[in-house]
Amino acid sequence: MTKMTGPQKTVAQTLSLVVLMGGLAWASVPFYDWFCKVTGFGGTTGVSSVASDEILEQTIKVRFDGSLNSNMRWEFKPVVREMEIRIGETGLAFYEAHNPTSKPIAGQASYNVTPYQAGYFFNKIDCFCFEEQVLQPGETVMMPVSFYVDPEIVTDRDAKYVHTITLSYTFYEIDLPEGYAALERTSDTNLN
């Protein structure tokens, strides 16, 4: 085995550092997503397949906000801006989306909860944000979200002082799923 010289050793260490940094960069997005889901950091909500088995008498206000990315051509808003529910009780809210264009448009919603310390305790049971949405030309839909606020919020050191939670969604336009894209290409061809 040959011994590396000073310049060879420096090149090998530099390449090792580049590979290590590339691996960390590649892993950072999934790790950050996992971290946010586990801790509620950054207003990321929890997901639950069942409702809470404990409902407190204490109530909390939930506000709803809806916005669109600057390139999204839909209209999007919450049907009700605010509701008060008991902590642990399952809430059901609706958002209305409308496609005013003459083409189908696909969208995906991103979401967060403020204040951020409430994110860990805000659990979605079902949500339109879990799937891509496609609206046909002129179509209007009501999109539900069912949720509850975990009763453990009342004993958390920071979150126990939260009396109002805001659930915000932003819709982004995405590529049409393949089946819809093929239909759009066919209709564009028939129009020409």
C-alpha atoms as a PDB file:
ATOM      1  CA  MET A   1       0.000   0.000   0.000  1.00  0.00           C
ATOM      2  CA  THR A   2       1.376   3.359  -0.972  1.00  0.00           C
ATOM      3  CA  LYS A   3       1.430   6.236   1.407  1.00  0.00           C
ATOM      4  CA  MET A   4      -0.406   9.416   0.330  1.00  0.00           C
ATOM      5  CA  THR A   5       1.556  12.587  -0.085  1.00  0.00           C
ATOM      6  CA  GLY A   6       0.433  15.925   1.380  1.00  0.00           C
ATOM      7  CA  PRO A   7      -1.464  17.113  -1.760  1.00  0.00           C
ATOM      8  CA  GLN A   8      -3.067  13.666  -2.298  1.00  0.00           C
ATOM      9  CA  LYS A   9      -4.194  13.571   1.317  1.00  0.00           C
ATOM     10  CA  THR A  10      -5.702  17.065   1.017  1.00  0.00           C
ATOM     11  CA  VAL A  11      -7.592  16.091  -2.170  1.00  0.00           C
ATOM     12  CA  ALA A  12      -8.890  12.884  -0.539  1.00  0.00           C
ATOM     13  CA  GLN A  13     -10.040  14.775   2.557  1.00  0.00           C
ATOM     14  CA  THR A  14     -11.700  17.449   0.417  1.00  0.00           C
ATOM     15  CA  LEU A  15     -13.511  14.831  -1.675  1.00  0.00           C
ATOM     16  CA  SER A  16     -14.618  13.020   1.481  1.00  0.00           C
ATOM     17  CA  LEU A  17     -15.958  16.285   2.881  1.00  0.00           C
ATOM     18  CA  VAL A  18     -17.823  17.031  -0.373  1.00  0.00           C
ATOM     19  CA  VAL A  19     -19.403  13.544  -0.379  1.00  0.00           C
ATOM     20  CA  LEU A  20     -20.359  13.893   3.301  1.00  0.00           C
ATOM     21  CA  MET A  21     -21.900  17.338   2.757  1.00  0.00           C
ATOM     22  CA  GLY A  22     -23.794  16.087  -0.316  1.00  0.00           C
ATOM     23  CA  GLY A  23     -25.196  13.169   1.689  1.00  0.00           C
ATOM     24  CA  LEU A  24     -26.261  15.484   4.496  1.00  0.00           C
ATOM     25  CA  ALA A  25     -27.909  17.874   2.033  1.00  0.00           C
ATOM     26  CA  TRP A  26     -29.768  14.979   0.399  1.00  0.00           C
ATOM     27  CA  ALA A  27     -30.997  13.702   3.772  1.00  0.00           C
ATOM     28  CA  SER A  28     -31.852  17.105   5.236  1.00  0.00           C
ATOM     29  CA  VAL A  29     -35.272  17.543   3.575  1.00  0.00           C
ATOM     30  CA  PRO A  30     -36.752  14.189   4.661  1.00  0.00           C
ATOM     31  CA  PHE A  31     -35.153  14.565   8.094  1.00  0.00           C
ATOM     32  CA  TYR A  32     -36.585  18.094   8.495  1.00  0.00           C
ATOM     33  CA  ASP A  33     -40.060  16.883   7.393  1.00  0.00           C
ATOM     34  CA  TRP A  34     -39.879  14.028   9.896  1.00  0.00           C
ATOM     35  CA  PHE A  35     -38.656  16.364  12.657  1.00  0.00           C
ATOM     36  CA  CYS A  36     -41.498  18.842  12.000  1.00  0.00           C
ATOM     37  CA  LYS A  37     -44.142  16.112  12.002  1.00  0.00           C
ATOM     38  CA  VAL A  38     -42.878  14.609  15.251  1.00  0.00           C
ATOM     39  CA  THR A  39     -42.412  17.883  17.128  1.00  0.00           C
ATOM     40  CA  GLY A  40     -44.957  20.208  15.489  1.00  0.00           C
ATOM     41  CA  PHE A  41     -42.057  22.547  14.740  1.00  0.00           C
ATOM     42  CA  GLY A  42     -42.876  25.244  12.212  1.00  0.00           C
ATOM     43  CA  GLY A  43     -46.614  24.750  12.671  1.00  0.00           C
ATOM     44  CA  THR A  44     -46.702  21.252  11.223  1.00  0.00           C
ATOM     45  CA  THR A  45     -49.802  19.421  12.372  1.00  0.00           C
ATOM     46  CA  GLY A  46     -50.218  15.854  13.507  1.00  0.00           C
ATOM     47  CA  VAL A  47     -52.238  13.240  11.629  1.00  0.00           C
ATOM     48  CA  SER A  48     -54.546  10.797  13.380  1.00  0.00           C
ATOM     49  CA  SER A  49     -56.668   7.969  12.033  1.00  0.00           C
ATOM     50  CA  VAL A  50     -59.143   8.218  14.937  1.00  0.00           C
ATOM     51  CA  ALA A  51     -60.825  10.922  16.967  1.00  0.00           C
ATOM     52  CA  SER A  52     -59.711  11.802  20.476  1.00  0.00           C
ATOM     53  CA  ASP A  53     -61.097   9.569  23.215  1.00  0.00           C
ATOM     54  CA  GLU A  54     -61.079  12.453  25.711  1.00  0.00           C
ATOM     55  CA  ILE A  55     -63.101  15.674  25.404  1.00  0.00           C
ATOM     56  CA  LEU A  56     -62.573  18.479  27.900  1.00  0.00           C
ATOM     57  CA  GLU A  57     -65.024  21.196  28.909  1.00  0.00           C
ATOM     58  CA  GLN A  58     -62.379  23.808  28.113  1.00  0.00           C
ATOM     59  CA  THR A  59     -62.783  25.374  24.652  1.00  0.00           C
ATOM     60  CA  ILE A  60     -60.393  26.757  22.079  1.00  0.00           C
ATOM     61  CA  LYS A  61     -60.973  28.951  19.030  1.00  0.00           C
ATOM     62  CA  VAL A  62     -59.804  27.717  15.654  1.00  0.00           C
ATOM     63  CA  ARG A  63     -59.435  30.266  12.851  1.00  0.00           C
ATOM     64  CA  PHE A  64     -59.222  29.297   9.206  1.00  0.00           C
ATOM     65  CA  ASP A  65     -57.179  31.030   6.528  1.00  0.00           C
ATOM     66  CA  GLY A  66     -56.819  30.284   2.830  1.00  0.00           C
ATOM     67  CA  SER A  67     -54.487  31.762   0.250  1.00  0.00           C
ATOM     68  CA  LEU A  68     -53.125  31.011  -3.202  1.00  0.00           C
ATOM     69  CA  ASN A  69     -49.630  30.934  -4.604  1.00  0.00           C
ATOM     70  CA  SER A  70     -49.184  33.821  -7.042  1.00  0.00           C
ATOM     71  CA  ASN A  71     -49.350  31.429 -10.038  1.00  0.00           C
ATOM     72  CA  MET A  72     -52.482  29.579  -8.888  1.00  0.00           C
ATOM     73  CA  ARG A  73     -55.565  30.559 -10.882  1.00  0.00           C
ATOM     74  CA  TRP A  74     -58.228  29.202  -8.514  1.00  0.00           C
ATOM     75  CA  GLU A  75     -60.356  31.076  -6.034  1.00  0.00           C
ATOM     76  CA  PHE A  76     -59.986  29.588  -2.545  1.00  0.00           C
ATOM     77  CA  LYS A  77     -61.388  30.532   0.862  1.00  0.00           C
ATOM     78  CA  PRO A  78     -62.655  29.047   4.123  1.00  0.00           C
ATOM     79  CA  VAL A  79     -66.449  28.763   4.353  1.00  0.00           C
ATOM     80  CA  VAL A  80     -66.381  29.747   8.049  1.00  0.00           C
ATOM     81  CA  ARG A  81     -63.553  31.935   9.332  1.00  0.00           C
ATOM     82  CA  GLU A  82     -63.651  30.805  12.970  1.00  0.00           C
ATOM     83  CA  MET A  83     -65.207  28.198  15.250  1.00  0.00           C
ATOM     84  CA  GLU A  84     -65.000  27.426  18.920  1.00  0.00           C
ATOM     85  CA  ILE A  85     -64.747  23.771  19.910  1.00  0.00           C
ATOM     86  CA  ARG A  86     -64.102  21.846  23.082  1.00  0.00           C
ATOM     87  CA  ILE A  87     -60.555  20.551  23.389  1.00  0.00           C
ATOM     88  CA  GLY A  88     -60.562  16.940  22.188  1.00  0.00           C
ATOM     89  CA  GLU A  89     -63.816  17.368  20.241  1.00  0.00           C
ATOM     90  CA  THR A  90     -63.750  16.572  16.525  1.00  0.00           C
ATOM     91  CA  GLY A  91     -64.248  19.681  14.414  1.00  0.00           C
ATOM     92  CA  LEU A  92     -65.291  19.775  10.772  1.00  0.00           C
ATOM     93  CA  ALA A  93     -64.533  22.769   8.565  1.00  0.00           C
ATOM     94  CA  PHE A  94     -64.913  23.364   4.845  1.00  0.00           C
ATOM     95  CA  TYR A  95     -62.936  25.337   2.306  1.00  0.00           C
ATOM     96  CA  GLU A  96     -64.417  26.379  -1.024  1.00  0.00           C
ATOM     97  CA  ALA A  97     -62.363  26.209  -4.208  1.00  0.00           C
ATOM     98  CA  HIS A  98     -63.413  27.402  -7.652  1.00  0.00           C
ATOM     99  CA  ASN A  99     -61.709  27.104 -11.029  1.00  0.00           C
ATOM    100  CA  PRO A 100     -62.816  30.140 -13.071  1.00  0.00           C
ATOM    101  CA  THR A 101     -60.720  29.161 -16.104  1.00  0.00           C
ATOM    102  CA  SER A 102     -61.573  27.155 -19.212  1.00  0.00           C
ATOM    103  CA  LYS A 103     -59.015  24.419 -18.445  1.00  0.00           C
ATOM    104  CA  PRO A 104     -58.693  21.795 -15.707  1.00  0.00           C
ATOM    105  CA  ILE A 105     -56.225  22.829 -13.012  1.00  0.00           C
ATOM    106  CA  ALA A 106     -54.529  20.601 -10.443  1.00  0.00           C
ATOM    107  CA  GLY A 107     -53.528  21.908  -7.047  1.00  0.00           C
ATOM    108  CA  GLN A 108     -51.827  20.781  -3.869  1.00  0.00           C
ATOM    109  CA  ALA A 109     -52.280  22.508  -0.520  1.00  0.00           C
ATOM    110  CA  SER A 110     -49.526  23.178   1.953  1.00  0.00           C
ATOM    111  CA  TYR A 111     -50.520  24.048   5.501  1.00  0.00           C
ATOM    112  CA  ASN A 112     -49.354  25.196   8.869  1.00  0.00           C
ATOM    113  CA  VAL A 113     -50.707  26.100  12.272  1.00  0.00           C
ATOM    114  CA  THR A 114     -49.954  29.184  14.323  1.00  0.00           C
ATOM    115  CA  PRO A 115     -48.867  29.698  16.988  1.00  0.00           C
ATOM    116  CA  TYR A 116     -46.208  27.117  16.225  1.00  0.00           C
ATOM    117  CA  GLN A 117     -46.265  25.566  19.701  1.00  0.00           C
ATOM    118  CA  ALA A 118     -49.860  24.442  19.000  1.00  0.00           C
ATOM    119  CA  GLY A 119     -48.857  22.444  15.891  1.00  0.00           C
ATOM    120  CA  TYR A 120     -47.935  19.342  17.863  1.00  0.00           C
ATOM    121  CA  PHE A 121     -51.402  19.267  19.454  1.00  0.00           C
ATOM    122  CA  PHE A 122     -53.465  19.981  16.328  1.00  0.00           C
ATOM    123  CA  ASN A 123     -54.397  16.633  14.735  1.00  0.00           C
ATOM    124  CA  LYS A 124     -56.031  16.162  11.352  1.00  0.00           C
ATOM    125  CA  ILE A 125     -58.186  13.070  10.936  1.00  0.00           C
ATOM    126  CA  ASP A 126     -59.017  13.699   7.287  1.00  0.00           C
ATOM    127  CA  CYS A 127     -58.061  16.549   4.997  1.00  0.00           C
ATOM    128  CA  PHE A 128     -58.276  17.613   1.382  1.00  0.00           C
ATOM    129  CA  CYS A 129     -54.602  18.536   1.745  1.00  0.00           C
ATOM    130  CA  PHE A 130     -53.623  14.851   1.893  1.00  0.00           C
ATOM    131  CA  GLU A 131     -54.255  14.485  -1.852  1.00  0.00           C
ATOM    132  CA  GLU A 132     -53.872  16.413  -5.091  1.00  0.00           C
ATOM    133  CA  GLN A 133     -57.034  18.199  -6.154  1.00  0.00           C
ATOM    134  CA  VAL A 134     -58.189  18.647  -9.765  1.00  0.00           C
ATOM    135  CA  LEU A 135     -60.930  21.111 -10.632  1.00  0.00           C
ATOM    136  CA  GLN A 136     -62.588  21.096 -14.022  1.00  0.00           C
ATOM    137  CA  PRO A 137     -63.335  24.384 -15.852  1.00  0.00           C
ATOM    138  CA  GLY A 138     -65.935  26.366 -13.891  1.00  0.00           C
ATOM    139  CA  GLU A 139     -66.103  23.735 -11.129  1.00  0.00           C
ATOM    140  CA  THR A 140     -66.668  24.721  -7.499  1.00  0.00           C
ATOM    141  CA  VAL A 141     -66.078  22.220  -4.693  1.00  0.00           C
ATOM    142  CA  MET A 142     -66.324  22.127  -0.920  1.00  0.00           C
ATOM    143  CA  MET A 143     -63.252  20.540   0.630  1.00  0.00           C
ATOM    144  CA  PRO A 144     -63.496  19.215   4.206  1.00  0.00           C
ATOM    145  CA  VAL A 145     -60.955  18.990   6.981  1.00  0.00           C
ATOM    146  CA  SER A 146     -61.760  17.112  10.199  1.00  0.00           C
ATOM    147  CA  PHE A 147     -59.526  17.679  13.200  1.00  0.00           C
ATOM    148  CA  TYR A 148     -59.217  17.868  16.961  1.00  0.00           C
ATOM    149  CA  VAL A 149     -56.954  19.601  19.456  1.00  0.00           C
ATOM    150  CA  ASP A 150     -55.207  17.074  21.685  1.00  0.00           C
ATOM    151  CA  PRO A 151     -56.238  17.476  25.358  1.00  0.00           C
ATOM    152  CA  GLU A 152     -52.548  17.320  26.338  1.00  0.00           C
ATOM    153  CA  ILE A 153     -52.297  20.944  25.162  1.00  0.00           C
ATOM    154  CA  VAL A 154     -53.648  22.084  28.548  1.00  0.00           C
ATOM    155  CA  THR A 155     -50.654  20.614  30.415  1.00  0.00           C
ATOM    156  CA  ASP A 156     -47.888  21.644  27.997  1.00  0.00           C
ATOM    157  CA  ARG A 157     -45.489  24.211  29.421  1.00  0.00           C
ATOM    158  CA  ASP A 158     -45.816  26.609  26.444  1.00  0.00           C
ATOM    159  CA  ALA A 159     -48.981  25.580  24.592  1.00  0.00           C
ATOM    160  CA  LYS A 160     -51.299  25.718  27.618  1.00  0.00           C
ATOM    161  CA  TYR A 161     -51.494  29.507  27.140  1.00  0.00           C
ATOM    162  CA  VAL A 162     -52.814  29.184  23.577  1.00  0.00           C
ATOM    163  CA  HIS A 163     -56.475  30.183  23.275  1.00  0.00           C
ATOM    164  CA  THR A 164     -56.704  30.603  19.499  1.00  0.00           C
ATOM    165  CA  ILE A 165     -55.169  28.436  16.778  1.00  0.00           C
ATOM    166  CA  THR A 166     -55.037  29.466  13.120  1.00  0.00           C
ATOM    167  CA  LEU A 167     -55.036  26.765  10.450  1.00  0.00           C
ATOM    168  CA  SER A 168     -53.697  28.156   7.170  1.00  0.00           C
ATOM    169  CA  TYR A 169     -53.649  26.598   3.713  1.00  0.00           C
ATOM    170  CA  THR A 170     -51.913  27.787   0.573  1.00  0.00           C
ATOM    171  CA  PHE A 171     -52.769  26.145  -2.742  1.00  0.00           C
ATOM    172  CA  TYR A 172     -50.087  25.725  -5.407  1.00  0.00           C
ATOM    173  CA  GLU A 173     -50.717  24.762  -9.006  1.00  0.00           C
ATOM    174  CA  ILE A 174     -49.136  21.442  -9.928  1.00  0.00           C
ATOM    175  CA  ASP A 175     -48.930  19.398 -13.127  1.00  0.00           C
ATOM    176  CA  LEU A 176     -52.120  17.621 -14.056  1.00  0.00           C
ATOM    177  CA  PRO A 177     -52.082  13.892 -13.304  1.00  0.00           C
ATOM    178  CA  GLU A 178     -51.379  11.834 -16.430  1.00  0.00           C
ATOM    179  CA  GLY A 179     -55.020  10.906 -17.120  1.00  0.00           C
ATOM    180  CA  TYR A 180     -56.134  14.536 -16.993  1.00  0.00           C
ATOM    181  CA  ALA A 181     -53.132  15.749 -18.971  1.00  0.00           C
ATOM    182  CA  ALA A 182     -53.953  13.262 -21.767  1.00  0.00           C
ATOM    183  CA  LEU A 183     -57.576  14.491 -21.845  1.00  0.00           C
ATOM    184  CA  GLU A 184     -56.399  18.098 -22.029  1.00  0.00           C
ATOM    185  CA  ARG A 185     -54.021  17.295 -24.904  1.00  0.00           C
ATOM    186  CA  THR A 186     -56.847  15.509 -26.737  1.00  0.00           C
ATOM    187  CA  SER A 187     -59.257  18.433 -26.294  1.00  0.00           C
ATOM    188  CA  ASP A 188     -56.563  20.913 -27.402  1.00  0.00           C
ATOM    189  CA  THR A 189     -55.942  18.792 -30.522  1.00  0.00           C
ATOM    190  CA  ASN A 190     -59.686  18.611 -31.298  1.00  0.00           C
ATOM    191  CA  LEU A 191     -59.986  22.400 -31.035  1.00  0.00           C
ATOM    192  CA  ASN A 192     -57.269  22.954 -33.648  1.00  0.00           C
END
